[in-house]
Protein backbone atom coordinates (compact mmCIF):
# COMPACT_ATOMS: atom_id res chain seq x y z
CA MET A 1 93.26 -41.18 57.88
CA LEU A 2 90.49 -43.54 56.81
CA THR A 3 86.93 -42.31 56.47
CA LYS A 4 84.40 -43.63 58.97
CA ARG A 5 83.07 -45.97 56.31
CA GLN A 6 86.51 -47.20 55.27
CA ASN A 7 87.53 -47.73 58.90
CA LEU A 8 84.40 -49.77 59.52
CA MET A 9 85.10 -52.01 56.53
CA GLU A 10 88.72 -52.53 57.58
CA THR A 11 87.50 -53.52 61.06
CA ILE A 12 84.87 -56.05 59.99
CA LYS A 13 86.99 -57.49 57.14
CA GLY A 14 90.03 -58.10 59.35
CA GLY A 15 92.12 -55.43 57.62
CA ASN A 16 94.03 -52.47 58.99
CA PRO A 17 91.76 -49.99 60.77
CA ASP A 18 93.53 -46.90 62.05
CA ARG A 19 91.28 -46.47 65.12
CA PHE A 20 88.29 -48.05 66.82
CA VAL A 21 85.00 -47.59 65.04
CA ASN A 22 83.31 -45.23 67.49
CA GLN A 23 79.82 -46.45 68.28
CA TYR A 24 77.26 -45.51 65.58
CA GLU A 25 79.52 -43.09 63.69
CA PHE A 26 79.55 -45.13 60.46
CA MET A 27 75.74 -45.12 60.11
CA ASP A 28 73.63 -42.09 59.24
CA ILE A 29 70.26 -43.49 60.28
CA VAL A 30 67.20 -42.16 58.44
CA LEU A 31 64.32 -41.93 60.92
CA GLU A 32 62.00 -39.49 59.12
CA VAL A 33 59.87 -42.25 57.60
CA PRO A 34 56.04 -42.00 57.67
CA VAL A 35 55.76 -44.85 60.18
CA ARG A 36 55.44 -43.94 63.85
CA LEU A 37 57.57 -46.16 66.07
CA MET A 38 57.65 -44.65 69.55
CA ALA A 39 55.41 -43.16 72.18
CA ALA A 40 56.74 -40.07 73.92
CA PRO A 41 57.66 -40.47 77.61
CA GLY A 42 54.53 -40.38 79.72
CA THR A 43 52.18 -41.05 76.78
CA GLU A 44 50.31 -43.83 74.99
CA PHE A 45 49.72 -44.40 71.28
CA LYS A 46 48.29 -47.02 68.94
CA ASN A 47 50.30 -47.94 65.84
CA ASP A 48 48.98 -48.90 62.41
CA TRP A 49 48.83 -52.60 63.37
CA GLY A 50 46.52 -51.69 66.26
CA ILE A 51 49.17 -52.33 68.93
CA THR A 52 48.93 -49.92 71.86
CA PHE A 53 52.23 -48.77 73.36
CA ARG A 54 52.60 -47.06 76.73
CA TRP A 55 55.67 -45.25 78.09
CA PRO A 56 55.10 -44.69 81.83
CA GLU A 57 56.67 -41.67 83.51
CA GLY A 58 60.02 -42.52 85.07
CA GLN A 59 60.62 -45.61 82.91
CA LEU A 60 63.36 -46.00 80.28
CA GLY A 61 61.14 -46.99 77.37
CA GLN A 62 57.81 -48.13 76.01
CA PHE A 63 56.15 -51.54 75.86
CA PRO A 64 52.90 -52.86 74.37
CA VAL A 65 49.78 -53.04 76.51
CA HIS A 66 48.35 -56.56 76.70
CA ASP A 67 45.23 -56.47 78.84
CA ASP A 68 42.03 -57.85 77.33
CA GLU A 69 41.00 -54.45 76.04
CA HIS A 70 44.23 -53.72 74.17
CA LYS A 71 45.56 -57.11 73.01
CA VAL A 72 45.33 -57.28 69.19
CA LEU A 73 45.65 -61.03 68.64
CA LYS A 74 43.34 -62.82 71.07
CA ASP A 75 43.44 -66.29 69.48
CA ILE A 76 46.42 -67.50 67.43
CA THR A 77 44.24 -70.04 65.58
CA GLU A 78 42.21 -67.10 64.23
CA TRP A 79 45.12 -64.79 63.50
CA ARG A 80 43.73 -63.82 60.08
CA LYS A 81 40.69 -62.35 61.81
CA TYR A 82 42.77 -60.05 64.00
CA VAL A 83 46.04 -59.25 62.19
CA LYS A 84 45.92 -56.86 59.25
CA ALA A 85 49.10 -55.39 57.77
CA PRO A 86 48.79 -51.62 57.38
CA VAL A 87 49.08 -49.87 54.03
CA ILE A 88 52.27 -47.76 54.01
CA ASP A 89 51.85 -44.22 52.71
CA ASN A 90 54.13 -44.19 49.66
CA SER A 91 53.42 -40.66 48.49
CA ASP A 92 56.22 -38.25 47.60
CA GLU A 93 54.99 -35.90 50.29
CA ALA A 94 55.11 -38.53 53.03
CA TRP A 95 58.67 -39.53 52.14
CA ALA A 96 60.07 -36.07 51.34
CA ALA A 97 61.90 -35.57 54.64
CA ALA A 98 63.43 -39.07 54.62
CA VAL A 99 64.55 -38.74 51.00
CA ALA A 100 66.09 -35.33 51.71
CA HIS A 101 68.00 -36.81 54.66
CA ALA A 102 69.28 -39.75 52.59
CA ASN A 103 70.34 -37.43 49.76
CA SER A 104 72.29 -35.21 52.16
CA VAL A 105 74.62 -37.98 53.33
CA ASP A 106 78.18 -38.26 52.02
CA ARG A 107 78.20 -41.96 51.13
CA ASN A 108 81.98 -42.01 51.01
CA GLU A 109 81.98 -41.12 54.70
CA GLN A 110 78.94 -42.94 56.09
CA PHE A 111 76.32 -45.55 55.21
CA VAL A 112 72.84 -44.27 54.45
CA THR A 113 71.00 -46.50 56.88
CA ALA A 114 67.39 -47.63 56.81
CA PHE A 115 65.86 -48.34 60.20
CA VAL A 116 63.34 -51.13 60.86
CA ALA A 117 61.71 -51.98 64.19
CA PRO A 118 60.21 -54.12 65.53
CA GLY A 119 61.36 -57.33 63.88
CA VAL A 120 59.45 -60.56 63.33
CA PHE A 121 59.88 -62.08 66.80
CA GLU A 122 58.95 -58.83 68.55
CA MET A 123 55.95 -58.39 66.27
CA CYS A 124 54.65 -61.78 67.38
CA HIS A 125 54.71 -60.90 71.06
CA HIS A 126 53.65 -57.29 70.50
CA LEU A 127 50.48 -58.55 68.86
CA MET A 128 49.56 -61.11 71.51
CA SER A 129 51.91 -60.79 74.57
CA MET A 130 55.16 -62.57 75.27
CA GLU A 131 53.47 -65.38 77.19
CA ASP A 132 50.95 -66.07 74.44
CA ALA A 133 53.60 -65.96 71.72
CA LEU A 134 55.94 -68.40 73.47
CA MET A 135 53.09 -70.79 74.28
CA ALA A 136 51.81 -70.61 70.70
CA LEU A 137 55.17 -71.80 69.37
CA TYR A 138 54.60 -75.04 71.29
CA GLU A 139 50.83 -75.40 71.10
CA GLU A 140 49.95 -74.02 67.65
CA PRO A 141 53.10 -74.26 65.51
CA GLU A 142 51.21 -74.36 62.21
CA ALA A 143 49.36 -71.12 62.96
CA MET A 144 52.60 -69.50 64.14
CA HIS A 145 54.35 -70.47 60.92
CA GLU A 146 51.49 -68.86 58.99
CA LEU A 147 51.62 -65.68 61.08
CA ILE A 148 55.40 -65.43 60.74
CA ASP A 149 55.11 -65.85 56.96
CA TYR A 150 52.54 -63.04 56.89
CA LEU A 151 54.72 -60.73 58.99
CA THR A 152 57.73 -61.57 56.80
CA GLU A 153 55.86 -60.59 53.64
CA ALA A 154 54.77 -57.34 55.29
CA GLU A 155 58.42 -56.59 56.15
CA ILE A 156 59.53 -57.28 52.59
CA ASN A 157 56.77 -55.03 51.20
CA TYR A 158 58.05 -52.24 53.45
CA ALA A 159 61.63 -53.03 52.42
CA LYS A 160 60.66 -52.49 48.78
CA ILE A 161 59.51 -48.95 49.60
CA LEU A 162 62.57 -48.19 51.74
CA ILE A 163 64.92 -49.37 49.01
CA ASP A 164 63.06 -47.53 46.25
CA ARG A 165 62.88 -44.27 48.20
CA LEU A 166 66.20 -44.16 50.10
CA HIS A 167 68.59 -46.49 48.21
CA PRO A 168 70.20 -47.38 51.55
CA ASP A 169 73.71 -48.80 51.86
CA ALA A 170 72.93 -50.31 55.26
CA LEU A 171 70.04 -51.62 57.33
CA PHE A 172 69.76 -51.23 61.09
CA HIS A 173 67.16 -53.74 62.20
CA HIS A 174 65.81 -54.34 65.70
CA ASP A 175 64.58 -57.63 67.12
CA ASP A 176 65.44 -58.57 70.70
CA TRP A 177 65.98 -62.32 70.97
CA GLY A 178 66.85 -62.81 74.63
CA SER A 179 67.18 -61.66 78.21
CA GLN A 180 70.54 -60.75 79.73
CA LYS A 181 71.41 -64.40 80.32
CA SER A 182 69.50 -66.57 77.83
CA SER A 183 67.72 -66.54 74.49
CA PHE A 184 63.93 -66.43 74.73
CA ILE A 185 63.62 -69.66 72.74
CA SER A 186 65.93 -72.58 72.09
CA PRO A 187 68.28 -72.55 69.08
CA ALA A 188 66.30 -75.42 67.53
CA MET A 189 63.04 -73.49 67.80
CA PHE A 190 64.71 -70.32 66.51
CA GLU A 191 66.02 -72.27 63.53
CA GLU A 192 62.57 -73.67 62.74
CA PHE A 193 60.48 -70.53 63.10
CA PHE A 194 62.64 -67.44 62.63
CA LEU A 195 65.72 -68.35 60.60
CA PRO A 196 63.73 -68.85 57.35
CA ALA A 197 61.97 -65.51 57.84
CA TYR A 198 65.22 -63.61 58.29
CA LYS A 199 66.95 -65.36 55.42
CA LYS A 200 64.14 -64.00 53.22
CA ILE A 201 64.21 -60.51 54.71
CA TYR A 202 67.96 -59.98 54.85
CA GLY A 203 68.45 -61.81 51.56
CA PHE A 204 66.05 -59.36 49.93
CA TYR A 205 67.98 -56.36 51.24
CA LYS A 206 71.32 -57.81 50.15
CA ALA A 207 69.93 -58.64 46.68
CA ASN A 208 68.83 -55.03 46.30
CA GLY A 209 72.03 -53.14 47.00
CA VAL A 210 72.15 -53.03 50.80
CA GLU A 211 75.77 -53.77 51.63
CA LEU A 212 75.62 -53.93 55.42
CA ILE A 213 73.15 -55.63 57.76
CA VAL A 214 73.36 -54.49 61.39
CA HIS A 215 71.04 -56.35 63.74
CA HIS A 216 70.19 -55.04 67.21
CA SER A 217 69.51 -57.45 70.05
CA ASP A 218 70.74 -56.12 73.40
CA SER A 219 70.65 -59.49 75.05
CA TYR A 220 72.25 -62.84 75.42
CA ALA A 221 72.19 -64.51 71.99
CA ALA A 222 75.59 -66.21 71.75
CA ASN A 223 73.81 -69.51 71.05
CA LEU A 224 72.15 -67.95 67.99
CA VAL A 225 75.30 -66.56 66.32
CA PRO A 226 75.57 -69.39 63.75
CA TYR A 227 72.05 -68.49 62.59
CA MET A 228 72.94 -64.80 62.49
CA ILE A 229 75.77 -65.66 60.12
CA GLU A 230 73.51 -67.88 58.01
CA MET A 231 70.85 -65.18 57.65
CA GLY A 232 73.42 -62.62 56.51
CA ILE A 233 74.01 -60.36 59.51
CA ASP A 234 77.30 -58.47 59.23
CA ILE A 235 77.27 -56.84 62.67
CA TRP A 236 75.42 -57.87 65.81
CA GLN A 237 74.76 -54.64 67.72
CA GLY A 238 73.87 -54.78 71.40
CA VAL A 239 76.05 -57.75 72.34
CA MET A 240 76.15 -57.76 76.15
CA THR A 241 79.09 -58.84 78.28
CA THR A 242 77.11 -61.93 79.34
CA ASN A 243 77.82 -63.35 75.87
CA ASN A 244 81.60 -63.42 76.48
CA THR A 245 82.32 -61.16 73.52
CA PRO A 246 86.07 -61.91 73.31
CA GLU A 247 85.28 -65.61 72.91
CA LEU A 248 82.70 -64.88 70.22
CA ILE A 249 85.26 -62.77 68.33
CA LYS A 250 87.80 -65.55 68.58
CA LYS A 251 85.31 -68.14 67.34
CA TYR A 252 83.36 -66.19 64.70
CA GLY A 253 85.49 -63.16 63.77
CA GLY A 254 85.69 -62.90 60.00
CA GLN A 255 82.15 -64.25 59.61
CA ILE A 256 80.39 -61.63 61.75
CA SER A 257 81.42 -58.64 63.87
CA PHE A 258 80.24 -57.60 67.32
CA MET A 259 79.14 -54.11 68.40
CA GLY A 260 78.64 -53.39 72.09
CA ASP A 261 80.25 -54.99 75.19
CA ILE A 262 79.60 -51.77 77.14
CA ASP A 263 76.41 -52.73 78.95
CA SER A 264 74.06 -49.76 79.08
CA GLY A 265 72.75 -50.87 82.46
CA VAL A 266 76.24 -50.60 83.94
CA VAL A 267 77.07 -47.10 82.65
CA ASP A 268 73.75 -45.44 81.75
CA PHE A 269 71.95 -44.78 85.04
CA PRO A 270 71.13 -41.70 87.14
CA ALA A 271 74.34 -41.75 89.22
CA TRP A 272 76.71 -42.40 86.29
CA THR A 273 80.17 -40.84 86.28
CA PRO A 274 82.81 -40.31 83.58
CA GLU A 275 85.10 -42.59 85.57
CA ILE A 276 82.63 -45.51 85.36
CA VAL A 277 82.22 -44.98 81.61
CA ALA A 278 85.97 -44.72 80.99
CA LYS A 279 86.63 -47.91 82.96
CA GLU A 280 84.06 -49.90 80.98
CA VAL A 281 85.28 -48.53 77.65
CA GLU A 282 88.88 -49.42 78.42
CA ARG A 283 87.90 -52.92 79.58
CA ALA A 284 85.83 -53.59 76.45
CA CYS A 285 88.46 -52.31 74.02
CA LYS A 286 91.38 -54.14 75.63
CA ASN A 287 89.48 -57.41 76.05
CA CYS A 288 87.90 -57.46 72.60
CA GLY A 289 90.71 -56.05 70.46
CA LYS A 290 90.91 -54.10 67.23
CA LEU A 291 89.23 -56.40 64.71
CA TYR A 292 85.63 -57.62 64.36
CA PHE A 293 84.64 -55.41 67.30
CA ILE A 294 82.99 -51.99 67.66
CA PRO A 295 82.87 -50.53 71.19
CA ASN A 296 79.37 -49.26 71.84
CA LEU A 297 76.73 -48.86 74.50
CA THR A 298 74.31 -51.75 74.09
CA GLN A 299 71.42 -49.27 73.67
CA GLY A 300 69.68 -49.59 70.34
CA LEU A 301 70.28 -46.09 68.93
CA ASN A 302 72.93 -43.38 69.12
CA PHE A 303 71.89 -41.83 72.41
CA SER A 304 71.70 -42.68 76.10
CA SER A 305 68.83 -42.75 78.56
CA PHE A 306 70.59 -40.26 80.82
CA PRO A 307 72.12 -37.09 79.35
CA GLY A 308 75.85 -37.12 78.67
CA VAL A 309 76.56 -40.86 78.88
CA TYR A 310 76.70 -41.53 75.14
CA ASP A 311 78.95 -38.52 74.45
CA CYS A 312 81.18 -39.44 77.36
CA ALA A 313 81.60 -42.96 75.94
CA THR A 314 82.45 -41.49 72.53
CA GLU A 315 85.21 -39.38 74.10
CA ALA A 316 86.54 -42.36 76.07
CA ILE A 317 86.67 -44.51 72.91
CA ASP A 318 88.62 -41.78 71.09
CA LYS A 319 91.07 -41.62 73.99
CA THR A 320 91.49 -45.40 74.03
CA SER A 321 92.05 -45.42 70.25
CA LYS A 322 94.96 -43.03 70.65
CA GLU A 323 96.47 -45.33 73.26
CA MET A 324 95.96 -48.63 71.39
CA PHE A 325 96.52 -47.70 67.71
């Protein structure tokens, strides 16, 4: 029987996996870094960039607050006045828990995985709102290029610390690039503004021993796959059914692999049932096949919004593996 890591590599290299890669099992994600990422449900917090996040009671997640009082970047032409990259605490004490976690992982079995969120596109609209960010790409492209370069350098500076402290084998990086049915910006605009940034970021990780780049975007982004390949993504996590995953595998398998096709919105809701989950798992596995595909809820970490859904999907994938392998 292959290890989780070996089975993953067989799957994404077009080899001979002995079962489906089961969701996030191949990644041991280190989250104990001294950078706060999330508000707790029902709370509000301000991160080190000055962005205020709010998670309202009864909602599935947080989002930045963009009224006049809370918006960080009020004028893109004066971005240097408003946007200041935080200094990351690089003390041994601050990183002790993360280092201990990384050192505890059996690297023959799993990838020690660094986690980065939000990415460059999300940072742009977190700082100034989605509407302002999209308008700025059209109205102030020079300033947006400058801001994106600044955010890219900040990411690489953080990457240097992550690599030095954790020596990760893999990177799990978040940046949502679309809605359920379209990318937020055109492929041409993505190529101009964000492809160069990600070639720098992912190229830096690859040049410094990170073997596997997993990018999360639980959205439609089929029109951006050629750029994902060019920037060095190995696995696109969060691929929704609206992308026609089987067609993407047929067209791009061998250049990139696809993780998802079990839409969280379809299975992860208050009235979920094991039967709904099993049906979606079976559909995804049979339609997408054994190679270049990892069945997974499209959610961006190894849990579900409603208790039991993620574990139920894991069990259903194991059952389907026994039937198909």
